[in-house]
């Protein structure tokens, strides 16, 4: 299970091979990951039980930071904090 702190972060650095890194909001990261999953067939075995791309993307965000889209080619996303938490 992921660290609960991850769920409180609002931004992700997204890495795709051959593209510049992107800084996306949590919502945009979910959309980005859903789009990549829709282009991927078959899905990794641990995602095949999900009811759709949104559920699969949410599972990935909660449990992973990498998705292999072809042999040796991976997408990566890392939660980042842009501002310190307010006390």
Protein backbone atom coordinates (compact mmCIF):
# COMPACT_ATOMS: atom_id res chain seq x y z
CA UNK A 1 0.00 0.00 0.00
CA UNK A 2 1.26 3.48 -0.82
CA UNK A 3 2.20 6.10 1.72
CA UNK A 4 -0.87 8.25 2.58
CA UNK A 5 1.32 11.33 2.10
CA UNK A 6 1.41 10.59 -1.65
CA UNK A 7 -2.36 11.07 -1.88
CA UNK A 8 -2.04 14.56 -0.41
CA UNK A 9 0.35 15.73 -3.14
CA UNK A 10 -1.12 17.72 -5.99
CA UNK A 11 1.51 17.43 -8.72
CA UNK A 12 3.55 14.82 -10.55
CA UNK A 13 6.61 14.86 -12.74
CA UNK A 14 5.78 12.71 -15.76
CA UNK A 15 8.49 11.10 -17.89
CA UNK A 16 7.92 9.63 -21.35
CA UNK A 17 10.74 8.32 -23.55
CA UNK A 18 11.72 10.85 -26.21
CA UNK A 19 9.76 13.72 -24.63
CA UNK A 20 10.62 16.50 -22.22
CA UNK A 21 9.55 15.96 -18.62
CA UNK A 22 6.18 17.42 -17.73
CA UNK A 23 4.85 18.80 -14.47
CA UNK A 24 1.15 17.89 -14.22
CA UNK A 25 -1.57 18.32 -11.63
CA UNK A 26 -2.86 15.15 -9.99
CA UNK A 27 -6.01 15.30 -12.16
CA UNK A 28 -3.98 15.81 -15.34
CA UNK A 29 -1.67 12.95 -14.38
CA UNK A 30 -4.67 10.66 -13.99
CA UNK A 31 -5.96 11.75 -17.43
CA UNK A 32 -2.50 11.25 -18.96
CA UNK A 33 -2.24 7.76 -17.50
CA UNK A 34 -5.80 6.81 -18.59
CA UNK A 35 -4.93 7.83 -22.16
CA UNK A 36 -1.76 5.73 -22.12
CA UNK A 37 -3.65 2.73 -20.76
CA UNK A 38 -6.28 3.03 -23.49
CA UNK A 39 -3.48 2.69 -26.07
CA UNK A 40 -1.98 -0.33 -24.30
CA UNK A 41 -3.07 -3.87 -25.05
CA UNK A 42 -2.91 -6.16 -23.24
CA UNK A 43 -2.75 -4.51 -19.85
CA UNK A 44 -0.35 -5.85 -17.24
CA UNK A 45 -1.84 -8.83 -15.44
CA UNK A 46 -2.33 -6.96 -12.15
CA UNK A 47 -4.57 -4.40 -13.89
CA UNK A 48 -6.76 -6.81 -15.83
CA UNK A 49 -9.24 -7.10 -12.96
CA UNK A 50 -9.96 -3.35 -13.02
CA UNK A 51 -13.33 -2.19 -14.30
CA UNK A 52 -11.83 0.33 -16.68
CA UNK A 53 -8.95 2.63 -17.50
CA UNK A 54 -9.81 5.13 -14.76
CA UNK A 55 -9.76 2.47 -12.04
CA UNK A 56 -6.54 1.01 -13.47
CA UNK A 57 -4.88 4.45 -13.58
CA UNK A 58 -5.94 5.15 -9.99
CA UNK A 59 -4.47 1.82 -8.92
CA UNK A 60 -1.20 2.62 -10.68
CA UNK A 61 -0.97 6.07 -9.09
CA UNK A 62 -1.59 4.53 -5.65
CA UNK A 63 0.79 1.59 -6.02
CA UNK A 64 3.44 2.25 -8.67
CA UNK A 65 5.49 4.88 -10.45
CA UNK A 66 6.23 3.06 -13.70
CA UNK A 67 4.35 1.34 -16.52
CA UNK A 68 6.10 -0.68 -19.19
CA UNK A 69 4.39 0.08 -22.51
CA UNK A 70 6.66 -2.10 -24.63
CA UNK A 71 9.73 -4.23 -23.85
CA UNK A 72 12.25 -1.90 -22.22
CA UNK A 73 10.12 1.25 -22.71
CA UNK A 74 8.53 2.68 -19.58
CA UNK A 75 6.41 5.63 -18.57
CA UNK A 76 7.19 7.06 -15.15
CA UNK A 77 5.45 9.47 -12.77
CA UNK A 78 6.64 10.80 -9.44
CA UNK A 79 4.65 12.78 -6.90
CA UNK A 80 6.23 16.12 -6.04
CA UNK A 81 5.47 18.86 -3.56
CA UNK A 82 5.66 22.37 -4.97
CA UNK A 83 5.07 24.18 -1.69
CA UNK A 84 5.65 23.15 1.92
CA UNK A 85 2.49 22.00 3.71
CA UNK A 86 0.61 24.69 5.64
CA UNK A 87 0.65 24.27 9.41
